[in-house]
Amino acid sequence: MLPADPGLLSLAMPDARAMGGINVEQVRLSPFGQYLMAQIVEREPGLEALVDATGFDPRRDLREILVVWNSDAGAKSGVIMARGTFDVARIVEAALSQGQTVETYKGVEIVGDPAKGSLAFVDSTLVISGSGVSLRAAIDRRSATVGIGADLAAQVNQLSTTKDAWFVTLVPPARLQEVGATLNKVQQASGGIKFGANVVLTAQTVSQTDKDAAALAETLKMLAGMAQVSAPKGLAAQVPALLQSMSVAAAGQVTTLSLSVPEQQVEQLIKASHVGGPFGVGVVVQ
């Protein structure tokens, strides 16, 4: 598997400390990817209107997605970049017909509201999503020679060449209310998913101390147990089976979680959940 797209990585902010990616092409080839493609057709009635208006079909035209944050991992300074095939002129025309704002910055067409978030079409193969200064800064970095830090680059290379979807953060992840005291002790985290006959999830965290890592492992086991007991009625049969193969262990400051589930079982879980479309959102084109 090829590593994360160098062209996308080159647009990341030099102080990036958290990153995630999806190899859409690879996912699309997997059984689960094929299932998702079918679900998009079935549950996103606005998709055909999107394709007709812009020529862009995410089932066909997306290749890779990269999400980047700076040292403030939860701040609004992150950007989302995607590699694919985009008919920029047609997309701009569709945006204008719907009353959206279109401007040009350093030869790049930017569509949307700068305050709330816009799409910048760098060329026919690259789009950046972000807001205000962050979006323009990413465009400025097209001619920059400074890349992300070596520590982050090493993890990105390792994860992107072994996982279809992955994430890494070199700063403490966002706090979760349910496990706040334990999760606050996490200093770094990484993980990913590999799709195939089995959907394989792996994750690893680095805590402040060995004791913190062990406590996190026990917390994760407790949450898994609670999920099995308190699963919604429609998922009561699927969740216990889903978590049966989960393994959680602590070694020193590192906590490792792994889960391998047959792809068909993941499909059954999604069918049982009946929550929106395959991505939890609808496509709307006026």
C-alpha atoms as a PDB file:
ATOM      1  CA  MET A   1       0.000   0.000   0.000  1.00  0.00           C
ATOM      2  CA  LEU A   2       1.269   3.463  -0.881  1.00  0.00           C
ATOM      3  CA  PRO A   3       1.926   6.001   1.910  1.00  0.00           C
ATOM      4  CA  ALA A   4      -0.138   9.157   2.395  1.00  0.00           C
ATOM      5  CA  ASP A   5      -0.113  11.460  -0.640  1.00  0.00           C
ATOM      6  CA  PRO A   6       3.035  13.681  -0.430  1.00  0.00           C
ATOM      7  CA  GLY A   7       1.174  16.504  -2.161  1.00  0.00           C
ATOM      8  CA  LEU A   8      -1.426  16.560   0.601  1.00  0.00           C
ATOM      9  CA  LEU A   9       1.181  16.283   3.343  1.00  0.00           C
ATOM     10  CA  SER A  10       3.087  19.228   1.885  1.00  0.00           C
ATOM     11  CA  LEU A  11       0.091  21.490   2.537  1.00  0.00           C
ATOM     12  CA  ALA A  12      -0.125  20.566   6.236  1.00  0.00           C
ATOM     13  CA  MET A  13       0.910  23.224   8.751  1.00  0.00           C
ATOM     14  CA  PRO A  14       4.510  22.783  10.021  1.00  0.00           C
ATOM     15  CA  ASP A  15       3.295  22.711  13.629  1.00  0.00           C
ATOM     16  CA  ALA A  16       0.768  19.951  12.897  1.00  0.00           C
ATOM     17  CA  ARG A  17       0.511  17.582  15.834  1.00  0.00           C
ATOM     18  CA  ALA A  18      -2.512  15.507  14.873  1.00  0.00           C
ATOM     19  CA  MET A  19      -3.525  13.923  11.605  1.00  0.00           C
ATOM     20  CA  GLY A  20      -5.930  11.365  10.180  1.00  0.00           C
ATOM     21  CA  GLY A  21      -6.463   9.881   6.753  1.00  0.00           C
ATOM     22  CA  ILE A  22      -8.586   7.576   4.623  1.00  0.00           C
ATOM     23  CA  ASN A  23      -7.321   5.736   1.563  1.00  0.00           C
ATOM     24  CA  VAL A  24     -10.667   5.934  -0.230  1.00  0.00           C
ATOM     25  CA  GLU A  25      -9.457   3.950  -3.252  1.00  0.00           C
ATOM     26  CA  GLN A  26      -8.365   1.077  -1.039  1.00  0.00           C
ATOM     27  CA  VAL A  27     -11.554   1.132   1.017  1.00  0.00           C
ATOM     28  CA  ARG A  28     -13.633   1.128  -2.158  1.00  0.00           C
ATOM     29  CA  LEU A  29     -12.019  -2.170  -3.212  1.00  0.00           C
ATOM     30  CA  SER A  30     -12.879  -3.909   0.068  1.00  0.00           C
ATOM     31  CA  PRO A  31     -16.123  -5.815   0.766  1.00  0.00           C
ATOM     32  CA  PHE A  32     -17.095  -3.157   3.314  1.00  0.00           C
ATOM     33  CA  GLY A  33     -16.343  -0.421   0.810  1.00  0.00           C
ATOM     34  CA  GLN A  34     -18.617  -2.095  -1.722  1.00  0.00           C
ATOM     35  CA  TYR A  35     -21.320  -2.257   0.930  1.00  0.00           C
ATOM     36  CA  LEU A  36     -20.913   1.467   1.657  1.00  0.00           C
ATOM     37  CA  MET A  37     -21.158   2.313  -2.046  1.00  0.00           C
ATOM     38  CA  ALA A  38     -24.466   0.445  -2.230  1.00  0.00           C
ATOM     39  CA  GLN A  39     -25.708   2.224   0.882  1.00  0.00           C
ATOM     40  CA  ILE A  40     -24.869   5.628  -0.574  1.00  0.00           C
ATOM     41  CA  VAL A  41     -27.046   4.882  -3.596  1.00  0.00           C
ATOM     42  CA  GLU A  42     -29.867   3.612  -1.410  1.00  0.00           C
ATOM     43  CA  ARG A  43     -29.894   6.218   1.355  1.00  0.00           C
ATOM     44  CA  GLU A  44     -28.651   9.440  -0.211  1.00  0.00           C
ATOM     45  CA  PRO A  45     -31.443  10.569  -2.553  1.00  0.00           C
ATOM     46  CA  GLY A  46     -29.688  13.876  -3.209  1.00  0.00           C
ATOM     47  CA  LEU A  47     -26.575  12.203  -4.604  1.00  0.00           C
ATOM     48  CA  GLU A  48     -27.735  12.061  -8.203  1.00  0.00           C
ATOM     49  CA  ALA A  49     -28.638  15.752  -8.069  1.00  0.00           C
ATOM     50  CA  LEU A  50     -25.128  16.475  -6.782  1.00  0.00           C
ATOM     51  CA  VAL A  51     -23.580  14.479  -9.612  1.00  0.00           C
ATOM     52  CA  ASP A  52     -25.802  16.142 -12.232  1.00  0.00           C
ATOM     53  CA  ALA A  53     -25.006  19.636 -10.931  1.00  0.00           C
ATOM     54  CA  THR A  54     -21.257  19.307 -10.340  1.00  0.00           C
ATOM     55  CA  GLY A  55     -20.084  16.201 -12.177  1.00  0.00           C
ATOM     56  CA  PHE A  56     -18.590  15.024  -8.863  1.00  0.00           C
ATOM     57  CA  ASP A  57     -19.482  11.516  -7.693  1.00  0.00           C
ATOM     58  CA  PRO A  58     -17.811  10.557  -4.369  1.00  0.00           C
ATOM     59  CA  ARG A  59     -18.294   6.871  -5.185  1.00  0.00           C
ATOM     60  CA  ARG A  60     -15.999   7.272  -8.151  1.00  0.00           C
ATOM     61  CA  ASP A  61     -14.010  10.482  -7.872  1.00  0.00           C
ATOM     62  CA  LEU A  62     -12.496  10.470  -4.363  1.00  0.00           C
ATOM     63  CA  ARG A  63      -9.068   8.894  -3.882  1.00  0.00           C
ATOM     64  CA  GLU A  64      -7.743  10.021  -0.504  1.00  0.00           C
ATOM     65  CA  ILE A  65      -8.741  12.225   2.431  1.00  0.00           C
ATOM     66  CA  LEU A  66      -6.339  13.823   4.920  1.00  0.00           C
ATOM     67  CA  VAL A  67      -7.334  15.764   8.049  1.00  0.00           C
ATOM     68  CA  VAL A  68      -4.755  17.907   9.863  1.00  0.00           C
ATOM     69  CA  TRP A  69      -4.753  19.890  13.126  1.00  0.00           C
ATOM     70  CA  ASN A  70      -2.037  22.044  14.633  1.00  0.00           C
ATOM     71  CA  SER A  71      -0.820  21.853  18.245  1.00  0.00           C
ATOM     72  CA  ASP A  72      -4.301  22.761  19.480  1.00  0.00           C
ATOM     73  CA  ALA A  73      -5.766  19.439  18.394  1.00  0.00           C
ATOM     74  CA  GLY A  74      -9.342  20.454  19.047  1.00  0.00           C
ATOM     75  CA  ALA A  75      -9.144  23.992  17.677  1.00  0.00           C
ATOM     76  CA  LYS A  76     -10.806  25.256  14.509  1.00  0.00           C
ATOM     77  CA  SER A  77      -7.425  25.665  12.855  1.00  0.00           C
ATOM     78  CA  GLY A  78      -7.479  22.324  11.113  1.00  0.00           C
ATOM     79  CA  VAL A  79      -7.992  21.646   7.423  1.00  0.00           C
ATOM     80  CA  ILE A  80      -9.361  18.731   5.431  1.00  0.00           C
ATOM     81  CA  MET A  81      -7.726  17.892   2.119  1.00  0.00           C
ATOM     82  CA  ALA A  82      -8.892  15.470  -0.538  1.00  0.00           C
ATOM     83  CA  ARG A  83      -7.310  14.055  -3.648  1.00  0.00           C
ATOM     84  CA  GLY A  84      -9.648  13.079  -6.465  1.00  0.00           C
ATOM     85  CA  THR A  85     -11.159  14.269  -9.718  1.00  0.00           C
ATOM     86  CA  PHE A  86     -12.983  17.612  -9.695  1.00  0.00           C
ATOM     87  CA  ASP A  87     -14.552  19.546 -12.558  1.00  0.00           C
ATOM     88  CA  VAL A  88     -13.739  22.922 -11.018  1.00  0.00           C
ATOM     89  CA  ALA A  89     -15.530  25.063 -13.596  1.00  0.00           C
ATOM     90  CA  ARG A  90     -18.705  23.021 -13.277  1.00  0.00           C
ATOM     91  CA  ILE A  91     -18.575  23.037  -9.476  1.00  0.00           C
ATOM     92  CA  VAL A  92     -18.091  26.815  -9.405  1.00  0.00           C
ATOM     93  CA  GLU A  93     -20.981  27.258 -11.821  1.00  0.00           C
ATOM     94  CA  ALA A  94     -23.228  25.099  -9.623  1.00  0.00           C
ATOM     95  CA  ALA A  95     -22.197  27.050  -6.518  1.00  0.00           C
ATOM     96  CA  LEU A  96     -22.968  30.387  -8.153  1.00  0.00           C
ATOM     97  CA  SER A  97     -26.363  29.121  -9.314  1.00  0.00           C
ATOM     98  CA  GLN A  98     -27.204  28.378  -5.664  1.00  0.00           C
ATOM     99  CA  GLY A  99     -26.139  31.832  -4.499  1.00  0.00           C
ATOM    100  CA  GLN A 100     -22.913  30.733  -2.845  1.00  0.00           C
ATOM    101  CA  THR A 101     -19.882  32.993  -2.619  1.00  0.00           C
ATOM    102  CA  VAL A 102     -16.997  32.325  -5.010  1.00  0.00           C
ATOM    103  CA  GLU A 103     -13.674  34.160  -4.821  1.00  0.00           C
ATOM    104  CA  THR A 104     -10.185  33.685  -6.187  1.00  0.00           C
ATOM    105  CA  TYR A 105      -7.103  33.650  -3.969  1.00  0.00           C
ATOM    106  CA  LYS A 106      -3.684  33.288  -5.607  1.00  0.00           C
ATOM    107  CA  GLY A 107      -5.299  31.635  -8.603  1.00  0.00           C
ATOM    108  CA  VAL A 108      -7.326  29.191  -6.470  1.00  0.00           C
ATOM    109  CA  GLU A 109     -11.129  29.167  -6.643  1.00  0.00           C
ATOM    110  CA  ILE A 110     -12.689  29.270  -3.148  1.00  0.00           C
ATOM    111  CA  VAL A 111     -16.358  28.347  -2.781  1.00  0.00           C
ATOM    112  CA  GLY A 112     -18.426  28.994   0.351  1.00  0.00           C
ATOM    113  CA  ASP A 113     -18.499  31.212   3.419  1.00  0.00           C
ATOM    114  CA  PRO A 114     -14.964  32.142   4.633  1.00  0.00           C
ATOM    115  CA  ALA A 115     -16.259  32.555   8.209  1.00  0.00           C
ATOM    116  CA  LYS A 116     -18.046  29.200   8.375  1.00  0.00           C
ATOM    117  CA  GLY A 117     -15.921  27.108   6.051  1.00  0.00           C
ATOM    118  CA  SER A 118     -15.071  26.974   2.371  1.00  0.00           C
ATOM    119  CA  LEU A 119     -13.750  24.655  -0.317  1.00  0.00           C
ATOM    120  CA  ALA A 120     -10.606  25.701  -2.167  1.00  0.00           C
ATOM    121  CA  PHE A 121     -10.024  23.921  -5.473  1.00  0.00           C
ATOM    122  CA  VAL A 122      -6.247  24.073  -5.866  1.00  0.00           C
ATOM    123  CA  ASP A 123      -6.514  22.197  -9.173  1.00  0.00           C
ATOM    124  CA  SER A 124      -8.661  19.507 -10.767  1.00  0.00           C
ATOM    125  CA  THR A 125      -7.254  16.847  -8.412  1.00  0.00           C
ATOM    126  CA  LEU A 126      -6.984  18.642  -5.059  1.00  0.00           C
ATOM    127  CA  VAL A 127      -9.518  20.364  -2.790  1.00  0.00           C
ATOM    128  CA  ILE A 128      -8.975  21.863   0.678  1.00  0.00           C
ATOM    129  CA  SER A 129     -11.742  22.480   3.210  1.00  0.00           C
ATOM    130  CA  GLY A 130     -11.285  24.944   6.052  1.00  0.00           C
ATOM    131  CA  SER A 131     -12.099  28.407   7.265  1.00  0.00           C
ATOM    132  CA  GLY A 132     -10.491  31.841   7.063  1.00  0.00           C
ATOM    133  CA  VAL A 133      -6.786  32.045   7.788  1.00  0.00           C
ATOM    134  CA  SER A 134      -6.265  28.258   7.952  1.00  0.00           C
ATOM    135  CA  LEU A 135      -7.530  27.731   4.410  1.00  0.00           C
ATOM    136  CA  ARG A 136      -5.440  30.514   2.912  1.00  0.00           C
ATOM    137  CA  ALA A 137      -2.380  29.418   4.853  1.00  0.00           C
ATOM    138  CA  ALA A 138      -2.710  25.945   3.319  1.00  0.00           C
ATOM    139  CA  ILE A 139      -2.873  27.495  -0.138  1.00  0.00           C
ATOM    140  CA  ASP A 140       0.227  29.598   0.670  1.00  0.00           C
ATOM    141  CA  ARG A 141       2.153  26.453   1.564  1.00  0.00           C
ATOM    142  CA  ARG A 142       2.066  25.268  -2.045  1.00  0.00           C
ATOM    143  CA  SER A 143       5.380  27.037  -2.542  1.00  0.00           C
ATOM    144  CA  ALA A 144       6.781  26.382   0.945  1.00  0.00           C
ATOM    145  CA  THR A 145       9.591  23.919   1.655  1.00  0.00           C
ATOM    146  CA  VAL A 146       8.883  23.337   5.357  1.00  0.00           C
ATOM    147  CA  GLY A 147       7.120  20.050   6.102  1.00  0.00           C
ATOM    148  CA  ILE A 148       5.599  18.444   9.178  1.00  0.00           C
ATOM    149  CA  GLY A 149       7.810  17.331  12.059  1.00  0.00           C
ATOM    150  CA  ALA A 150       9.865  14.156  11.718  1.00  0.00           C
ATOM    151  CA  ASP A 151       8.116  12.456  14.643  1.00  0.00           C
ATOM    152  CA  LEU A 152       4.667  12.950  13.108  1.00  0.00           C
ATOM    153  CA  ALA A 153       5.898  12.117   9.592  1.00  0.00           C
ATOM    154  CA  ALA A 154       7.299   8.775  10.786  1.00  0.00           C
ATOM    155  CA  GLN A 155       4.001   7.718  12.350  1.00  0.00           C
ATOM    156  CA  VAL A 156       1.974   8.925   9.375  1.00  0.00           C
ATOM    157  CA  ASN A 157       4.175   6.894   7.022  1.00  0.00           C
ATOM    158  CA  GLN A 158       3.853   3.760   9.140  1.00  0.00           C
ATOM    159  CA  LEU A 159       0.094   4.016   9.628  1.00  0.00           C
ATOM    160  CA  SER A 160      -0.832   5.064   6.093  1.00  0.00           C
ATOM    161  CA  THR A 161       1.068   2.144   4.559  1.00  0.00           C
ATOM    162  CA  THR A 162      -0.624  -0.454   6.775  1.00  0.00           C
ATOM    163  CA  LYS A 163      -4.150   0.915   7.421  1.00  0.00           C
ATOM    164  CA  ASP A 164      -6.985   1.969   5.133  1.00  0.00           C
ATOM    165  CA  ALA A 165      -8.147   4.580   7.656  1.00  0.00           C
ATOM    166  CA  TRP A 166      -5.892   5.892  10.424  1.00  0.00           C
ATOM    167  CA  PHE A 167      -5.206   8.662  12.944  1.00  0.00           C
ATOM    168  CA  VAL A 168      -2.348   9.899  15.110  1.00  0.00           C
ATOM    169  CA  THR A 169      -2.115  12.662  17.685  1.00  0.00           C
ATOM    170  CA  LEU A 170       1.086  13.681  19.429  1.00  0.00           C
ATOM    171  CA  VAL A 171      -0.808  15.854  21.911  1.00  0.00           C
ATOM    172  CA  PRO A 172      -3.385  14.740  24.512  1.00  0.00           C
ATOM    173  CA  PRO A 173      -6.633  13.869  22.676  1.00  0.00           C
ATOM    174  CA  ALA A 174      -9.866  15.739  23.323  1.00  0.00           C
ATOM    175  CA  ARG A 175     -11.421  15.012  26.683  1.00  0.00           C
ATOM    176  CA  LEU A 176     -14.403  12.691  26.932  1.00  0.00           C
ATOM    177  CA  GLN A 177     -16.703  13.374  29.830  1.00  0.00           C
ATOM    178  CA  GLU A 178     -17.286   9.691  30.561  1.00  0.00           C
ATOM    179  CA  VAL A 179     -13.593   8.886  31.084  1.00  0.00           C
ATOM    180  CA  GLY A 180     -12.186  12.354  31.582  1.00  0.00           C
ATOM    181  CA  ALA A 181      -9.884  11.672  34.534  1.00  0.00           C
ATOM    182  CA  THR A 182      -8.281   8.688  32.825  1.00  0.00           C
ATOM    183  CA  LEU A 183      -8.130  10.003  29.296  1.00  0.00           C
ATOM    184  CA  ASN A 184      -6.567  13.266  30.457  1.00  0.00           C
ATOM    185  CA  LYS A 185      -3.448  11.255  31.298  1.00  0.00           C
ATOM    186  CA  VAL A 186      -3.040  10.178  27.651  1.00  0.00           C
ATOM    187  CA  GLN A 187      -0.179  12.034  25.971  1.00  0.00           C
ATOM    188  CA  GLN A 188      -0.265  10.470  22.500  1.00  0.00           C
ATOM    189  CA  ALA A 189      -2.598   8.191  20.549  1.00  0.00           C
ATOM    190  CA  SER A 190      -2.681   6.463  17.190  1.00  0.00           C
ATOM    191  CA  GLY A 191      -4.645   3.777  15.430  1.00  0.00           C
ATOM    192  CA  GLY A 192      -6.336   2.637  12.285  1.00  0.00           C
ATOM    193  CA  ILE A 193      -8.663   0.269  10.482  1.00  0.00           C
ATOM    194  CA  LYS A 194      -7.875  -2.314   7.819  1.00  0.00           C
ATOM    195  CA  PHE A 195     -10.791  -3.510   5.703  1.00  0.00           C
ATOM    196  CA  GLY A 196     -11.009  -7.001   4.264  1.00  0.00           C
ATOM    197  CA  ALA A 197     -12.808 -10.252   5.046  1.00  0.00           C
ATOM    198  CA  ASN A 198     -12.376  -9.033   8.612  1.00  0.00           C
ATOM    199  CA  VAL A 199     -12.511  -5.402   9.702  1.00  0.00           C
ATOM    200  CA  VAL A 200      -9.463  -5.004  11.944  1.00  0.00           C
ATOM    201  CA  LEU A 201      -9.228  -2.062  14.349  1.00  0.00           C
ATOM    202  CA  THR A 202      -6.058  -1.275  16.291  1.00  0.00           C
ATOM    203  CA  ALA A 203      -5.303   1.639  18.610  1.00  0.00           C
ATOM    204  CA  GLN A 204      -2.428   2.582  20.891  1.00  0.00           C
ATOM    205  CA  THR A 205      -2.036   5.271  23.529  1.00  0.00           C
ATOM    206  CA  VAL A 206       0.906   6.546  25.552  1.00  0.00           C
ATOM    207  CA  SER A 207       0.019   7.695  29.074  1.00  0.00           C
ATOM    208  CA  GLN A 208       1.972   9.697  31.634  1.00  0.00           C
ATOM    209  CA  THR A 209       2.810   6.668  33.797  1.00  0.00           C
ATOM    210  CA  ASP A 210       2.554   2.879  33.788  1.00  0.00           C
ATOM    211  CA  LYS A 211      -0.239   3.164  36.340  1.00  0.00           C
ATOM    212  CA  ASP A 212      -2.201   5.522  34.074  1.00  0.00           C
ATOM    213  CA  ALA A 213      -1.833   3.111  31.146  1.00  0.00           C
ATOM    214  CA  ALA A 214      -3.124   0.210  33.241  1.00  0.00           C
ATOM    215  CA  ALA A 215      -6.040   2.324  34.488  1.00  0.00           C
ATOM    216  CA  LEU A 216      -6.974   3.232  30.915  1.00  0.00           C
ATOM    217  CA  ALA A 217      -6.944  -0.442  29.927  1.00  0.00           C
ATOM    218  CA  GLU A 218      -9.311  -1.274  32.767  1.00  0.00           C
ATOM    219  CA  THR A 219     -11.552   1.665  31.860  1.00  0.00           C
ATOM    220  CA  LEU A 220     -11.786   0.500  28.243  1.00  0.00           C
ATOM    221  CA  LYS A 221     -12.674  -3.012  29.381  1.00  0.00           C
ATOM    222  CA  MET A 222     -15.328  -1.581  31.684  1.00  0.00           C
ATOM    223  CA  LEU A 223     -16.825   0.512  28.888  1.00  0.00           C
ATOM    224  CA  ALA A 224     -16.904  -2.529  26.612  1.00  0.00           C
ATOM    225  CA  GLY A 225     -18.746  -4.457  29.297  1.00  0.00           C
ATOM    226  CA  MET A 226     -21.212  -1.634  29.774  1.00  0.00           C
ATOM    227  CA  ALA A 227     -21.794  -1.443  26.020  1.00  0.00           C
ATOM    228  CA  GLN A 228     -22.702  -5.107  25.917  1.00  0.00           C
ATOM    229  CA  VAL A 229     -25.173  -4.771  28.770  1.00  0.00           C
ATOM    230  CA  SER A 230     -26.749  -1.463  27.766  1.00  0.00           C
ATOM    231  CA  ALA A 231     -26.875  -1.839  23.982  1.00  0.00           C
ATOM    232  CA  PRO A 232     -30.107  -0.536  22.422  1.00  0.00           C
ATOM    233  CA  LYS A 233     -32.747  -3.154  21.779  1.00  0.00           C
ATOM    234  CA  GLY A 234     -32.068  -3.308  18.061  1.00  0.00           C
ATOM    235  CA  LEU A 235     -28.348  -3.867  18.675  1.00  0.00           C
ATOM    236  CA  ALA A 236     -28.567  -6.189  21.673  1.00  0.00           C
ATOM    237  CA  ALA A 237     -27.560  -9.223  19.625  1.00  0.00           C
ATOM    238  CA  GLN A 238     -24.868  -7.546  17.544  1.00  0.00           C
ATOM    239  CA  VAL A 239     -22.844  -5.580  20.114  1.00  0.00           C
ATOM    240  CA  PRO A 240     -21.746  -8.509  22.328  1.00  0.00           C
ATOM    241  CA  ALA A 241     -20.639 -10.454  19.258  1.00  0.00           C
ATOM    242  CA  LEU A 242     -18.856  -7.376  17.942  1.00  0.00           C
ATOM    243  CA  LEU A 243     -16.850  -6.904  21.136  1.00  0.00           C
ATOM    244  CA  GLN A 244     -16.126 -10.590  21.700  1.00  0.00           C
ATOM    245  CA  SER A 245     -12.766 -10.422  19.927  1.00  0.00           C
ATOM    246  CA  MET A 246     -11.652  -7.170  21.547  1.00  0.00           C
ATOM    247  CA  SER A 247      -8.285  -7.284  23.280  1.00  0.00           C
ATOM    248  CA  VAL A 248      -6.993  -4.572  25.612  1.00  0.00           C
ATOM    249  CA  ALA A 249      -3.608  -4.684  27.315  1.00  0.00           C
ATOM    250  CA  ALA A 250      -1.145  -2.350  29.013  1.00  0.00           C
ATOM    251  CA  ALA A 251       2.643  -2.626  28.880  1.00  0.00           C
ATOM    252  CA  GLY A 252       4.552   0.152  30.568  1.00  0.00           C
ATOM    253  CA  GLN A 253       3.072   3.487  29.535  1.00  0.00           C
ATOM    254  CA  VAL A 254       1.457   1.998  26.413  1.00  0.00           C
ATOM    255  CA  THR A 255      -2.141   0.776  26.206  1.00  0.00           C
ATOM    256  CA  THR A 256      -3.041  -1.282  23.142  1.00  0.00           C
ATOM    257  CA  LEU A 257      -6.513  -2.147  21.861  1.00  0.00           C
ATOM    258  CA  SER A 258      -7.306  -4.493  18.985  1.00  0.00           C
ATOM    259  CA  LEU A 259     -10.552  -5.745  17.519  1.00  0.00           C
ATOM    260  CA  SER A 260     -11.141  -8.023  14.532  1.00  0.00           C
ATOM    261  CA  VAL A 261     -14.705  -8.477  13.312  1.00  0.00           C
ATOM    262  CA  PRO A 262     -16.011 -10.330  10.239  1.00  0.00           C
ATOM    263  CA  GLU A 263     -17.071  -7.804   7.617  1.00  0.00           C
ATOM    264  CA  GLN A 264     -20.537  -9.331   7.373  1.00  0.00           C
ATOM    265  CA  GLN A 265     -21.005  -8.757  11.084  1.00  0.00           C
ATOM    266  CA  VAL A 266     -20.199  -5.057  10.688  1.00  0.00           C
ATOM    267  CA  GLU A 267     -22.798  -4.844   7.928  1.00  0.00           C
ATOM    268  CA  GLN A 268     -25.378  -6.442  10.230  1.00  0.00           C
ATOM    269  CA  LEU A 269     -24.575  -3.904  12.940  1.00  0.00           C
ATOM    270  CA  ILE A 270     -25.085  -1.007  10.539  1.00  0.00           C
ATOM    271  CA  LYS A 271     -28.346  -2.450   9.260  1.00  0.00           C
ATOM    272  CA  ALA A 272     -29.579  -2.917  12.820  1.00  0.00           C
ATOM    273  CA  SER A 273     -28.699   0.648  13.811  1.00  0.00           C
ATOM    274  CA  HIS A 274     -30.868   2.311  11.122  1.00  0.00           C
ATOM    275  CA  VAL A 275     -29.197   5.689  11.768  1.00  0.00           C
ATOM    276  CA  GLY A 276     -29.409   7.995   8.725  1.00  0.00           C
ATOM    277  CA  GLY A 277     -27.259   7.264   5.701  1.00  0.00           C
ATOM    278  CA  PRO A 278     -23.948   5.421   5.708  1.00  0.00           C
ATOM    279  CA  PHE A 279     -22.167   8.550   6.887  1.00  0.00           C
ATOM    280  CA  GLY A 280     -24.963   9.846   9.136  1.00  0.00           C
ATOM    281  CA  VAL A 281     -25.635  12.805   6.828  1.00  0.00           C
ATOM    282  CA  GLY A 282     -27.699  13.505   3.763  1.00  0.00           C
ATOM    283  CA  VAL A 283     -26.647  15.095   0.513  1.00  0.00           C
ATOM    284  CA  VAL A 284     -28.700  18.159  -0.349  1.00  0.00           C
ATOM    285  CA  VAL A 285     -28.525  20.031  -3.617  1.00  0.00           C
ATOM    286  CA  GLN A 286     -31.056  22.746  -4.246  1.00  0.00           C
END
